[in-house]
Amino acid sequence: MKKEKKMIIKRVETINFNGKDRDFVPKKVNSVIDKNGTGKTSLLRAMLWGLTGEKTDADNTEVRITLADDFVIERSRYGGKNACKLNNTKVTEKALNQAIEDKLGIAIDNIKLSASEAVLEAKKPEDLLKALIGFVSEKLTVDKVISHLTTPSTAIIDKVKTEFPPAPTEFSLDEISNVYGRLYQERKAKSLEYKRKEAVLNTLKETTTSPKRKLEVIEDDLLKLQLAEKSASDSAKKLKEWERASALEKKRISDMAAIEKEGTSITFKGYTSAAAKLQDENRAKAESELLKLTSSESTIKSNIEIFERTLKNLDKPVCPISEKLICTTDKTAVKAELEKSVKDNNKLLSEIVKKKKVCNETLEAFKVWKKGYDESLAAYQKRLELLGRYKALKENPIPVPEKPIVIDASKIVADKAALVAEKKNAENFQMTKKIELELSKLKDELSVIDYLVNALKDKGEVKEAIIRDYLSIFEDTMNARASVFCPGYEVSLAVNGGLKMSLKTPYNKEPYDSHQLSGGESLILRFLMLDMLNQLTGTHLMFLDNIEVLDDDALTYLVNIITSKEFEDEYDHVFIAGVNHPDVIEKFK
């Protein structure tokens, strides 16, 4: 039945791709037969780059490919920087690739793998095996995974059953990769844990010896010693309390004796309140009288000064009113009166001075009395204060407890330090035994995980066992085409850390490994593999280069198969490139 056409290329345009410009409409079969250096291989690489973004060294170039429905892909590279367009609109490379995958329904990586024998040839055996595994659609169960293990132990089987869905649940090969990823991380974590515990164990062993006594016995002795230590601590605390109380009581008694001695040395006179009142009244009276006398004294002195100045002026022949007036009045009576006034005022002044002296003497006597009064009052107050303190001390004796028995704690401390060290050593010894058990368990777990990590990896025994089941299908597909393309050739596939391909030719009895084949035989093998991959991916597109390495019969078979109705129904485009040898030109004219 004819397959749906998806990879219809309507037009290919290249600008300066490795120095070449092209613009053509591809046919079903396209052969580029020309001499060396004319850009045959560059054309195939330009188309592969345009369709898939496959790595290229070309620069300052553009490739534009138009697919069916006017789906236009454009890639350019200038100055080492890539740019992409989809239907003349700038997009990222990721967006362009996604759009191509959505358009064709095929992953970009699958197009690269199945379209070009150059890409296929560059694949490492392990990468090619990984790619083939990706096409395996078999449904697995946990029991089937276990059946593919070469040396399953009970522990390995139990671990597998915990990691995969329980039977009869089915899952794809992706689940094997998922479990592999989890186990890989678990192995990494447990390896780190193992190294950490091992380092702790080695450190403990450097300072730990086998204990002479059981840990329980050591702990019992330590508890007893701790109780004795507490008693010693309590005893020391009580001794400090006794010493403190004794010191306080001794100070109290000493303070009372000092107060009593100080009190006997204090003397004071007894003053009545009446006497104090009389003294204060006399002081006030003397101060009042002195104030009045001082005022009168000032007035009298002023009067005497006036009278004496007037007497002095009476002897002058001028009028007191004006010096221009000559006074002729008899001043004898006035002079006598003024002289009498001066005499009387001096007498009054003398009496005032005497009275002031009496007042000052009274005030000085008050000061002396007041000083004695104040000193006696201060002494009396001091005596009262001392009596109060003495009474307070006497009425509040310090209670002094009985002096405790002193316990020597120095030996207890030394014994305790020895027991603590012995206990620590016993604990560390137990810890070493515990860690050794944990390490033994971890080692067993790591052994199981390590085995499964290696078994489940892409080149591991599980996936290789699964792929072996499919190799016969792949071989049959390739050999069915070989029987038409090149009778007498037979492909053999095997798994050995990767995909191992061999080819039996009509000229040898045993198959040769791919690296032992001639150029033509290698091209035949790659063609058959490309053809199978096209069928697996549905790409319907093939690039085949260097066909000049094929002999005449192989060239004839190639032309026959790519022009056959069956091949035409299966492919949208085939691009063949080769050097223009006469036999090649003859076959593709």
Protein backbone atom coordinates (compact mmCIF):
# COMPACT_ATOMS: atom_id res chain seq x y z
CA MET A 1 0.00 0.00 0.00
CA LYS A 2 1.38 3.39 -0.97
CA LYS A 3 2.42 5.50 2.03
CA GLU A 4 1.28 9.08 2.56
CA LYS A 5 3.78 11.56 1.17
CA LYS A 6 5.06 13.95 3.83
CA MET A 7 8.53 14.99 2.72
CA ILE A 8 7.64 16.63 -0.58
CA ILE A 9 10.32 19.20 -1.42
CA LYS A 10 9.06 21.70 -3.99
CA ARG A 11 12.18 23.87 -4.28
CA VAL A 12 15.77 24.13 -3.02
CA GLU A 13 17.74 27.40 -3.10
CA THR A 14 21.32 27.82 -1.83
CA ILE A 15 23.41 30.98 -1.73
CA ASN A 16 27.20 30.68 -1.41
CA PHE A 17 27.02 27.29 0.32
CA ASN A 18 30.69 26.32 0.12
CA GLY A 19 30.93 28.83 -2.71
CA LYS A 20 27.98 27.45 -4.74
CA ASP A 21 24.61 28.99 -5.66
CA ARG A 22 21.78 26.64 -6.67
CA ASP A 23 18.10 26.89 -7.38
CA PHE A 24 16.24 23.75 -8.48
CA VAL A 25 13.06 21.72 -8.10
CA PRO A 26 13.85 18.19 -6.84
CA LYS A 27 12.47 15.14 -8.61
CA LYS A 28 11.71 11.74 -7.13
CA VAL A 29 15.25 10.54 -7.87
CA ASN A 30 17.95 13.18 -8.11
CA SER A 31 21.45 12.26 -9.23
CA VAL A 32 24.35 14.70 -9.05
CA ILE A 33 27.13 13.08 -11.11
CA ASP A 34 30.10 15.33 -11.74
CA LYS A 35 33.82 15.57 -11.31
CA ASN A 36 35.52 16.11 -7.95
CA GLY A 37 35.30 19.61 -6.48
CA THR A 38 32.07 20.59 -8.17
CA GLY A 39 30.07 20.67 -4.93
CA LYS A 40 28.16 17.38 -5.09
CA THR A 41 28.59 16.59 -1.41
CA SER A 42 28.05 20.25 -0.49
CA LEU A 43 24.62 20.14 -2.10
CA LEU A 44 23.55 17.14 0.00
CA ARG A 45 24.93 18.80 3.15
CA ALA A 46 23.20 22.08 2.31
CA MET A 47 19.84 20.31 2.01
CA LEU A 48 20.42 18.34 5.23
CA TRP A 49 21.36 21.55 7.06
CA GLY A 50 18.34 23.37 5.69
CA LEU A 51 15.94 20.58 6.71
CA THR A 52 17.42 19.64 10.09
CA GLY A 53 20.07 22.15 11.18
CA GLU A 54 22.73 19.41 11.07
CA LYS A 55 26.10 20.94 12.01
CA THR A 56 27.96 22.57 9.13
CA ASP A 57 31.19 24.49 8.71
CA ALA A 58 29.80 26.65 5.90
CA ASP A 59 29.60 30.39 6.60
CA ASN A 60 28.22 33.50 4.92
CA THR A 61 25.56 31.34 3.33
CA GLU A 62 21.82 30.81 3.06
CA VAL A 63 19.65 27.78 2.35
CA ARG A 64 15.95 28.03 1.55
CA ILE A 65 13.77 24.93 1.18
CA THR A 66 10.11 25.02 0.22
CA LEU A 67 8.00 22.00 1.23
CA ALA A 68 4.47 21.09 0.24
CA ASP A 69 1.75 23.58 1.21
CA ASP A 70 4.32 26.35 0.65
CA PHE A 71 5.98 25.61 4.00
CA VAL A 72 9.21 27.59 3.62
CA ILE A 73 12.28 26.80 5.74
CA GLU A 74 15.21 29.21 5.68
CA ARG A 75 18.54 29.00 7.52
CA SER A 76 21.39 31.48 7.17
CA ARG A 77 24.82 31.81 8.74
CA TYR A 78 26.91 34.97 8.65
CA GLY A 79 29.96 35.64 10.77
CA GLY A 80 29.48 32.35 12.55
CA LYS A 81 25.98 33.29 13.75
CA ASN A 82 22.91 31.33 12.70
CA ALA A 83 19.53 32.83 11.86
CA CYS A 84 16.25 31.15 10.95
CA LYS A 85 13.04 32.03 9.18
CA LEU A 86 9.74 30.22 8.78
CA ASN A 87 7.55 31.42 5.93
CA ASN A 88 9.71 34.61 5.72
CA THR A 89 9.27 35.35 9.46
CA LYS A 90 12.25 35.34 11.79
CA VAL A 91 12.10 32.59 14.42
CA THR A 92 14.51 30.87 16.77
CA GLU A 93 16.22 27.66 15.69
CA LYS A 94 14.28 25.79 18.38
CA ALA A 95 10.97 27.16 17.10
CA LEU A 96 11.87 26.32 13.48
CA ASN A 97 12.83 22.74 14.35
CA GLN A 98 9.62 22.33 16.34
CA ALA A 99 7.57 23.62 13.42
CA ILE A 100 9.30 21.15 11.05
CA GLU A 101 8.63 18.27 13.45
CA ASP A 102 4.96 19.31 13.73
CA LYS A 103 4.69 19.59 9.94
CA LEU A 104 6.30 16.23 9.16
CA GLY A 105 5.39 14.31 12.27
CA ILE A 106 9.02 13.16 12.60
CA ALA A 107 11.66 14.14 15.14
CA ILE A 108 14.52 16.22 13.72
CA ASP A 109 17.09 13.76 15.09
CA ASN A 110 15.33 10.91 13.30
CA ILE A 111 15.39 12.82 10.02
CA LYS A 112 19.14 13.39 10.42
CA LEU A 113 19.73 9.72 11.21
CA SER A 114 17.63 8.17 8.47
CA ALA A 115 18.20 10.65 5.63
CA SER A 116 21.99 10.81 5.30
CA GLU A 117 24.50 7.99 5.10
CA ALA A 118 27.17 10.57 6.07
CA VAL A 119 25.41 11.15 9.41
CA LEU A 120 24.97 7.40 9.83
CA GLU A 121 28.65 6.75 9.15
CA ALA A 122 29.64 9.32 11.78
CA LYS A 123 27.63 7.56 14.47
CA LYS A 124 29.51 5.60 17.12
CA PRO A 125 28.33 1.99 17.64
CA GLU A 126 26.93 2.83 21.08
CA ASP A 127 25.08 5.91 19.76
CA LEU A 128 23.63 3.90 16.89
CA LEU A 129 22.51 1.21 19.31
CA LYS A 130 20.89 3.88 21.49
CA ALA A 131 19.08 5.24 18.44
CA LEU A 132 17.78 1.79 17.49
CA ILE A 133 16.61 1.19 21.05
CA GLY A 134 14.54 4.35 20.70
CA PHE A 135 12.51 2.65 17.98
CA VAL A 136 11.70 -0.37 20.11
CA SER A 137 8.07 -0.19 21.12
CA GLU A 138 7.93 -3.42 23.11
CA LYS A 139 5.86 -3.40 26.29
CA LEU A 140 7.77 -4.77 29.25
CA THR A 141 6.93 -6.07 32.70
CA VAL A 142 9.09 -6.29 35.79
CA ASP A 143 9.35 -10.07 35.30
CA LYS A 144 10.64 -9.60 31.75
CA VAL A 145 13.28 -7.14 32.99
CA ILE A 146 14.37 -9.70 35.60
CA SER A 147 14.55 -12.39 32.93
CA HIS A 148 17.10 -10.29 31.02
CA LEU A 149 19.47 -10.09 34.04
CA THR A 150 22.41 -12.45 33.72
CA THR A 151 23.20 -12.92 37.44
CA PRO A 152 20.12 -11.99 39.45
CA SER A 153 20.37 -12.58 43.20
CA THR A 154 17.46 -12.41 45.63
CA ALA A 155 18.56 -8.92 46.70
CA ILE A 156 18.80 -7.75 43.07
CA ILE A 157 15.37 -9.15 42.22
CA ASP A 158 13.85 -7.49 45.32
CA LYS A 159 15.42 -4.16 44.34
CA VAL A 160 14.12 -4.43 40.77
CA LYS A 161 10.62 -5.13 42.08
CA THR A 162 10.75 -2.01 44.25
CA GLU A 163 11.86 0.21 41.35
CA PHE A 164 9.59 -0.96 38.50
CA PRO A 165 5.78 -1.04 38.42
CA PRO A 166 4.47 -4.34 39.85
CA ALA A 167 3.45 -7.15 37.52
CA PRO A 168 1.41 -7.40 35.38
CA THR A 169 1.67 -3.63 34.73
CA GLU A 170 3.35 -2.95 31.39
CA PHE A 171 5.77 -0.13 30.64
CA SER A 172 8.05 1.06 27.83
CA LEU A 173 11.82 1.24 27.50
CA ASP A 174 11.63 4.81 28.82
CA GLU A 175 10.87 3.39 32.25
CA ILE A 176 14.19 1.51 32.17
CA SER A 177 15.94 4.84 31.54
CA ASN A 178 13.96 6.44 34.35
CA VAL A 179 14.91 3.69 36.79
CA TYR A 180 18.51 3.87 35.62
CA GLY A 181 18.54 7.61 36.36
CA ARG A 182 17.13 7.11 39.85
CA LEU A 183 19.53 4.27 40.65
CA TYR A 184 22.47 6.28 39.32
CA GLN A 185 21.64 9.11 41.68
CA GLU A 186 21.01 6.68 44.54
CA ARG A 187 24.38 5.05 43.92
CA LYS A 188 26.03 8.45 43.97
CA ALA A 189 24.34 9.39 47.25
CA LYS A 190 25.08 6.04 48.92
CA SER A 191 28.70 6.16 47.73
CA LEU A 192 29.09 9.55 49.38
CA GLU A 193 27.42 8.22 52.51
CA TYR A 194 29.73 5.20 52.49
CA LYS A 195 32.83 7.40 52.20
CA ARG A 196 31.60 9.67 54.97
CA LYS A 197 30.88 6.78 57.35
CA GLU A 198 34.17 5.14 56.43
CA ALA A 199 36.04 8.36 57.27
CA VAL A 200 34.23 8.57 60.63
CA LEU A 201 35.07 4.93 61.34
CA ASN A 202 38.76 5.41 60.53
CA THR A 203 38.90 8.46 62.80
CA LEU A 204 37.25 6.56 65.66
CA LYS A 205 39.59 3.61 65.28
CA GLU A 206 42.62 5.87 65.66
CA THR A 207 41.67 6.76 69.25
CA THR A 208 39.45 3.86 70.35
CA THR A 209 40.53 0.67 72.11
CA SER A 210 38.57 -2.40 73.13
CA PRO A 211 36.94 -1.57 76.52
CA LYS A 212 37.87 -3.65 79.58
CA ARG A 213 34.45 -3.21 81.15
CA LYS A 214 30.91 -3.05 79.87
CA LEU A 215 29.41 0.35 79.23
CA GLU A 216 26.63 -0.31 81.78
CA VAL A 217 29.17 -0.93 84.57
CA ILE A 218 31.09 2.23 83.69
CA GLU A 219 27.88 4.29 83.63
CA ASP A 220 26.86 2.89 87.06
CA ASP A 221 30.23 3.89 88.59
CA LEU A 222 30.00 7.28 86.95
CA LEU A 223 26.50 7.81 88.41
CA LYS A 224 27.78 7.03 91.91
CA LEU A 225 30.67 9.40 91.43
CA GLN A 226 28.34 12.10 90.16
CA LEU A 227 26.24 11.72 93.33
CA ALA A 228 29.41 12.04 95.44
CA GLU A 229 30.40 15.04 93.36
CA LYS A 230 27.00 16.61 94.03
CA SER A 231 27.45 16.00 97.78
CA ALA A 232 30.87 17.65 97.60
CA SER A 233 29.37 20.51 95.66
CA ASP A 234 26.57 20.89 98.22
CA SER A 235 29.11 20.74 101.04
CA ALA A 236 31.23 23.44 99.41
CA LYS A 237 28.11 25.54 98.90
CA LYS A 238 27.07 25.16 102.57
CA LEU A 239 30.60 26.00 103.68
CA LYS A 240 30.47 29.22 101.67
CA GLU A 241 27.07 30.02 103.21
CA TRP A 242 28.50 29.36 106.71
CA GLU A 243 31.56 31.49 106.02
CA ARG A 244 29.39 34.29 104.70
CA ALA A 245 26.99 34.17 107.69
CA SER A 246 29.88 33.98 110.15
CA ALA A 247 31.58 36.97 108.57
CA LEU A 248 28.34 38.97 108.63
CA GLU A 249 27.68 38.15 112.32
CA LYS A 250 31.24 38.99 113.24
CA LYS A 251 30.93 42.31 111.46
CA ARG A 252 27.61 42.99 113.25
CA ILE A 253 29.19 42.51 116.65
CA SER A 254 32.20 44.59 115.61
CA ASP A 255 29.93 47.36 114.33
CA MET A 256 27.96 47.39 117.64
CA ALA A 257 31.21 47.72 119.65
CA ALA A 258 32.41 50.55 117.40
CA ILE A 259 29.05 52.37 117.76
CA GLU A 260 29.09 51.95 121.50
CA LYS A 261 32.63 53.32 121.73
CA GLU A 262 31.80 56.24 119.47
CA GLY A 263 28.67 57.03 121.47
CA THR A 264 30.56 57.33 124.79
CA SER A 265 32.88 59.91 123.25
CA ILE A 266 30.04 62.25 122.27
CA THR A 267 29.22 65.07 124.83
CA PHE A 268 26.72 67.95 124.58
CA LYS A 269 25.15 70.66 126.77
CA GLY A 270 21.53 70.73 127.65
CA TYR A 271 19.68 73.76 126.32
CA THR A 272 16.04 74.50 127.24
CA SER A 273 13.63 75.79 124.70
CA ALA A 274 12.90 78.82 126.92
CA ALA A 275 16.57 79.77 127.01
CA ALA A 276 16.82 79.32 123.25
CA LYS A 277 13.75 81.50 122.79
CA LEU A 278 15.16 84.24 125.05
CA GLN A 279 18.48 84.19 123.20
CA ASP A 280 16.72 84.54 119.88
CA GLU A 281 14.54 87.41 121.20
CA ASN A 282 17.62 89.25 122.51
CA ARG A 283 19.33 88.78 119.13
CA ALA A 284 16.31 90.13 117.28
CA LYS A 285 16.00 93.07 119.66
CA ALA A 286 19.70 93.90 119.37
CA GLU A 287 19.59 93.67 115.54
CA SER A 288 16.50 95.97 115.47
CA GLU A 289 18.08 98.49 117.89
CA LEU A 290 21.36 98.42 115.97
CA LEU A 291 19.53 99.17 112.77
CA LYS A 292 17.77 102.19 114.32
CA LEU A 293 20.98 103.47 115.94
CA THR A 294 22.87 103.16 112.68
CA SER A 295 20.18 105.21 110.95
CA SER A 296 20.18 107.87 113.68
CA GLU A 297 23.99 107.92 113.62
CA SER A 298 23.96 108.64 109.92
CA THR A 299 21.45 111.48 110.36
CA ILE A 300 23.37 113.09 113.23
CA LYS A 301 26.67 112.88 111.35
CA SER A 302 24.99 114.59 108.41
CA ASN A 303 23.63 117.35 110.69
CA ILE A 304 27.01 117.94 112.32
CA GLU A 305 28.62 118.24 108.89
CA ILE A 306 26.02 120.84 107.85
CA PHE A 307 26.37 122.82 111.11
CA GLU A 308 30.19 122.83 110.86
CA ARG A 309 30.11 123.93 107.22
CA THR A 310 27.68 126.71 108.11
CA LEU A 311 29.91 127.93 110.97
CA LYS A 312 32.85 128.03 108.59
CA ASN A 313 30.91 130.16 106.12
CA LEU A 314 29.80 132.63 108.85
CA ASP A 315 33.35 134.00 109.00
CA LYS A 316 33.23 135.05 105.34
CA PRO A 317 32.05 138.68 104.48
CA VAL A 318 29.80 137.56 101.70
CA CYS A 319 26.18 136.68 101.65
CA PRO A 320 25.41 133.01 101.47
CA ILE A 321 22.97 133.94 98.70
CA SER A 322 25.60 135.43 96.37
CA GLU A 323 29.30 136.07 96.61
CA LYS A 324 28.69 139.48 94.98
CA LEU A 325 26.73 140.57 98.01
CA ILE A 326 28.69 141.80 100.98
CA CYS A 327 27.01 140.74 104.28
CA THR A 328 27.20 143.30 107.18
CA THR A 329 24.81 141.45 109.57
CA ASP A 330 26.00 140.59 113.12
CA LYS A 331 26.38 136.76 113.22
CA THR A 332 27.39 136.31 116.85
CA ALA A 333 24.08 134.94 118.08
CA VAL A 334 23.74 132.62 115.12
CA LYS A 335 27.26 131.34 115.61
CA ALA A 336 26.64 130.62 119.26
CA GLU A 337 23.47 128.75 118.41
CA LEU A 338 25.23 126.67 115.72
CA GLU A 339 28.14 125.84 118.00
CA LYS A 340 25.66 124.69 120.65
CA SER A 341 23.91 122.48 118.04
CA VAL A 342 27.23 120.89 117.01
CA LYS A 343 28.04 120.22 120.66
CA ASP A 344 24.62 118.72 121.37
CA ASN A 345 24.76 116.49 118.27
CA ASN A 346 28.27 115.25 119.12
CA LYS A 347 26.97 114.35 122.57
CA LEU A 348 24.06 112.43 120.97
CA LEU A 349 26.51 110.74 118.59
CA SER A 350 28.68 109.62 121.50
CA GLU A 351 25.67 108.10 123.22
CA ILE A 352 24.64 106.29 120.00
CA VAL A 353 28.15 104.82 119.61
CA LYS A 354 27.96 103.49 123.15
CA LYS A 355 24.54 101.97 122.53
CA LYS A 356 25.74 100.39 119.23
CA LYS A 357 28.64 98.84 121.08
CA VAL A 358 26.24 97.26 123.52
CA CYS A 359 24.12 95.91 120.63
CA ASN A 360 27.18 94.48 118.85
CA GLU A 361 28.38 92.87 122.04
CA THR A 362 24.93 91.32 122.44
CA LEU A 363 25.06 89.97 118.84
CA GLU A 364 28.60 88.60 119.30
CA ALA A 365 27.50 86.87 122.48
CA PHE A 366 24.56 85.37 120.54
CA LYS A 367 26.94 84.00 117.91
CA VAL A 368 29.04 82.29 120.56
CA TRP A 369 25.93 80.92 122.16
CA LYS A 370 24.48 79.80 118.81
CA LYS A 371 27.70 77.96 117.90
CA GLY A 372 27.61 76.07 121.16
CA TYR A 373 23.92 75.38 120.69
CA ASP A 374 24.40 74.03 117.12
CA GLU A 375 27.34 71.85 118.14
CA SER A 376 25.41 70.39 121.03
CA LEU A 377 22.39 69.79 118.80
CA ALA A 378 24.55 68.00 116.14
CA ALA A 379 26.17 65.88 118.85
CA TYR A 380 22.75 65.06 120.21
CA GLN A 381 21.47 64.08 116.72
CA LYS A 382 24.60 61.95 116.15
CA ARG A 383 24.00 60.25 119.48
CA LEU A 384 20.40 59.49 118.50
CA GLU A 385 21.56 58.08 115.12
CA LEU A 386 24.16 55.83 116.78
CA LEU A 387 21.56 54.61 119.25
CA GLY A 388 19.24 53.74 116.34
CA ARG A 389 21.91 51.81 114.48
CA TYR A 390 23.00 50.06 117.64
CA LYS A 391 19.43 49.03 118.38
CA ALA A 392 18.89 47.76 114.81
CA LEU A 393 22.08 45.67 114.91
CA LYS A 394 21.28 44.33 118.35
CA GLU A 395 17.74 43.33 117.42
CA ASN A 396 18.81 41.62 114.10
CA PRO A 397 21.50 39.04 114.75
CA ILE A 398 22.72 37.02 111.72
CA PRO A 399 21.67 33.34 111.92
CA VAL A 400 24.83 31.25 111.52
CA PRO A 401 24.26 27.58 110.53
CA GLU A 402 26.33 24.75 111.89
CA LYS A 403 29.68 24.51 110.17
CA PRO A 404 29.46 21.68 107.54
CA ILE A 405 31.96 18.85 107.10
CA VAL A 406 34.44 19.70 104.34
CA ILE A 407 34.69 17.11 101.48
CA ASP A 408 37.80 17.01 99.26
CA ALA A 409 36.49 17.23 95.66
CA SER A 410 39.87 17.12 93.94
CA LYS A 411 40.01 13.28 93.97
CA ILE A 412 36.39 13.08 92.81
CA VAL A 413 37.21 15.33 89.83
CA ALA A 414 40.19 13.19 88.84
CA ASP A 415 38.21 9.93 89.18
CA LYS A 416 35.30 11.42 87.23
CA ALA A 417 37.59 12.53 84.36
CA ALA A 418 38.97 9.00 84.14
CA LEU A 419 35.45 7.47 84.11
CA VAL A 420 34.22 9.96 81.49
CA ALA A 421 37.17 9.06 79.24
CA GLU A 422 36.50 5.35 79.80
CA LYS A 423 32.80 5.83 79.01
CA LYS A 424 33.62 7.81 75.84
CA ASN A 425 35.98 5.06 74.68
CA ALA A 426 33.29 2.40 75.30
CA GLU A 427 30.70 4.48 73.41
CA ASN A 428 33.09 5.02 70.52
CA PHE A 429 33.81 1.30 70.42
CA GLN A 430 30.06 0.59 70.20
CA MET A 431 29.83 3.27 67.49
CA THR A 432 32.58 1.60 65.46
CA LYS A 433 30.67 -1.70 65.58
CA LYS A 434 27.46 0.06 64.54
CA ILE A 435 29.18 1.87 61.65
CA GLU A 436 30.85 -1.36 60.52
CA LEU A 437 27.41 -3.00 60.31
CA GLU A 438 26.04 0.03 58.44
CA LEU A 439 28.99 -0.04 56.04
CA SER A 440 28.50 -3.75 55.45
CA LYS A 441 24.84 -3.13 54.67
CA LEU A 442 25.69 -0.14 52.45
CA LYS A 443 28.30 -2.20 50.63
CA ASP A 444 25.70 -4.88 49.88
CA GLU A 445 23.21 -2.23 48.75
CA LEU A 446 25.83 -0.56 46.57
CA SER A 447 26.74 -3.90 45.05
CA VAL A 448 23.10 -4.43 44.06
CA ILE A 449 22.66 -0.87 42.79
CA ASP A 450 25.97 -0.90 40.91
CA TYR A 451 25.00 -4.12 39.18
CA LEU A 452 21.60 -2.72 38.19
CA VAL A 453 23.06 0.61 37.00
CA ASN A 454 25.37 -1.28 34.66
CA ALA A 455 22.60 -3.67 33.65
CA LEU A 456 20.08 -0.90 32.86
CA LYS A 457 22.33 1.59 31.06
CA ASP A 458 22.06 2.05 27.32
CA LYS A 459 24.86 -0.48 26.69
CA GLY A 460 23.78 -2.66 29.58
CA GLU A 461 22.66 -6.27 29.45
CA VAL A 462 18.92 -5.50 29.79
CA LYS A 463 18.62 -3.15 26.82
CA GLU A 464 21.07 -5.25 24.83
CA ALA A 465 18.95 -8.34 25.52
CA ILE A 466 15.83 -6.47 24.43
CA ILE A 467 17.49 -5.13 21.29
CA ARG A 468 18.76 -8.63 20.43
CA ASP A 469 15.15 -9.71 20.26
CA TYR A 470 14.60 -7.05 17.64
CA LEU A 471 17.83 -7.51 15.72
CA SER A 472 16.36 -10.41 13.75
CA ILE A 473 13.51 -8.10 12.65
CA PHE A 474 15.99 -5.41 11.62
CA GLU A 475 18.17 -7.98 9.87
CA ASP A 476 15.20 -9.43 8.01
CA THR A 477 14.14 -5.95 6.85
CA MET A 478 17.64 -5.09 5.64
CA ASN A 479 18.23 -8.49 4.01
CA ALA A 480 14.88 -8.37 2.22
CA ARG A 481 16.09 -5.21 0.50
CA ALA A 482 19.57 -6.74 0.00
CA SER A 483 18.06 -9.65 -1.87
CA VAL A 484 16.73 -7.14 -4.41
CA PHE A 485 19.45 -4.52 -4.29
CA CYS A 486 22.49 -6.78 -4.20
CA PRO A 487 21.84 -10.56 -4.26
CA GLY A 488 24.45 -12.50 -2.36
CA TYR A 489 24.91 -9.82 0.29
CA GLU A 490 23.62 -10.49 3.81
CA VAL A 491 23.63 -8.24 6.87
CA SER A 492 24.31 -9.47 10.42
CA LEU A 493 23.58 -7.35 13.48
CA ALA A 494 24.92 -7.98 16.97
CA VAL A 495 25.17 -6.19 20.30
CA ASN A 496 28.60 -5.81 21.88
CA GLY A 497 28.75 -2.58 23.87
CA GLY A 498 27.04 -0.98 20.90
CA LEU A 499 25.59 -1.99 17.55
CA LYS A 500 27.99 -4.26 15.67
CA MET A 501 27.24 -4.55 11.94
CA SER A 502 28.71 -7.18 9.63
CA LEU A 503 28.22 -7.91 5.95
CA LYS A 504 28.55 -11.17 4.09
CA THR A 505 29.36 -10.76 0.39
CA PRO A 506 29.05 -13.22 -2.50
CA TYR A 507 32.84 -13.54 -2.33
CA ASN A 508 33.34 -14.69 1.25
CA LYS A 509 31.76 -17.35 3.43
CA GLU A 510 31.87 -15.44 6.73
CA PRO A 511 30.59 -11.89 7.34
CA TYR A 512 33.12 -9.09 7.73
CA ASP A 513 32.89 -6.40 10.43
CA SER A 514 31.92 -2.98 9.11
CA HIS A 515 35.44 -1.57 9.65
CA GLN A 516 36.90 -4.38 7.49
CA LEU A 517 34.71 -3.66 4.46
CA SER A 518 35.78 -1.94 1.28
CA GLY A 519 34.37 1.46 0.36
CA GLY A 520 31.71 -0.06 -1.89
CA GLU A 521 30.72 -2.71 0.65
CA SER A 522 30.48 -0.05 3.38
CA LEU A 523 28.19 2.04 1.15
CA ILE A 524 25.96 -0.99 0.53
CA LEU A 525 25.71 -1.61 4.28
CA ARG A 526 24.90 2.05 4.98
CA PHE A 527 22.27 2.09 2.23
CA LEU A 528 20.55 -0.94 3.72
CA MET A 529 20.65 0.61 7.22
CA LEU A 530 19.32 3.94 5.90
CA ASP A 531 16.53 2.14 4.12
CA MET A 532 15.54 0.33 7.31
CA LEU A 533 15.70 3.55 9.37
CA ASN A 534 13.48 5.28 6.80
CA GLN A 535 10.92 2.55 7.27
CA LEU A 536 11.15 2.90 11.06
CA THR A 537 10.89 6.70 11.11
CA GLY A 538 8.67 7.28 8.08
CA THR A 539 11.12 9.90 6.78
CA HIS A 540 10.85 8.84 3.08
CA LEU A 541 14.04 10.77 2.26
CA MET A 542 17.58 9.55 1.47
CA PHE A 543 20.93 11.19 0.75
CA LEU A 544 23.54 8.79 -0.70
CA ASP A 545 27.02 10.08 -1.53
CA ASN A 546 30.16 8.67 -3.15
CA ILE A 547 28.35 6.01 -5.17
CA GLU A 548 31.40 5.76 -7.45
CA VAL A 549 32.87 3.32 -4.91
CA LEU A 550 30.25 0.71 -5.99
CA ASP A 551 31.23 -1.86 -8.58
CA ASP A 552 29.31 -2.21 -11.80
CA ASP A 553 26.88 -4.85 -10.51
CA ALA A 554 26.14 -2.84 -7.33
CA LEU A 555 25.53 0.30 -9.41
CA THR A 556 23.10 -1.64 -11.58
CA TYR A 557 21.27 -3.00 -8.54
CA LEU A 558 21.10 0.52 -7.01
CA VAL A 559 19.59 2.00 -10.16
CA ASN A 560 17.10 -0.85 -10.38
CA ILE A 561 15.93 -0.56 -6.80
CA ILE A 562 15.59 3.23 -6.59
CA THR A 563 13.63 3.26 -9.86
CA SER A 564 11.39 0.35 -8.85
CA LYS A 565 7.68 0.87 -8.20
CA GLU A 566 8.04 -0.40 -4.61
CA PHE A 567 10.84 2.04 -3.84
CA GLU A 568 8.97 4.87 -5.56
CA ASP A 569 5.95 4.25 -3.34
CA GLU A 570 8.10 4.32 -0.18
CA TYR A 571 10.22 7.44 -0.82
CA ASP A 572 9.43 11.04 -1.57
CA HIS A 573 12.95 11.97 -2.67
CA VAL A 574 16.29 10.24 -3.18
CA PHE A 575 19.45 12.28 -3.72
CA ILE A 576 22.48 10.47 -5.12
CA ALA A 577 25.91 12.00 -5.63
CA GLY A 578 29.00 10.53 -7.24
CA VAL A 579 32.09 11.23 -9.31
CA ASN A 580 31.52 11.16 -13.05
CA HIS A 581 33.27 7.87 -13.78
CA PRO A 582 32.16 6.36 -17.09
CA ASP A 583 30.33 3.49 -15.45
CA VAL A 584 28.51 5.88 -13.11
CA ILE A 585 27.55 8.19 -15.98
CA GLU A 586 26.31 5.18 -17.92
CA LYS A 587 24.04 4.01 -15.10
CA PHE A 588 22.59 7.46 -14.25
CA LYS A 589 22.38 9.05 -17.71
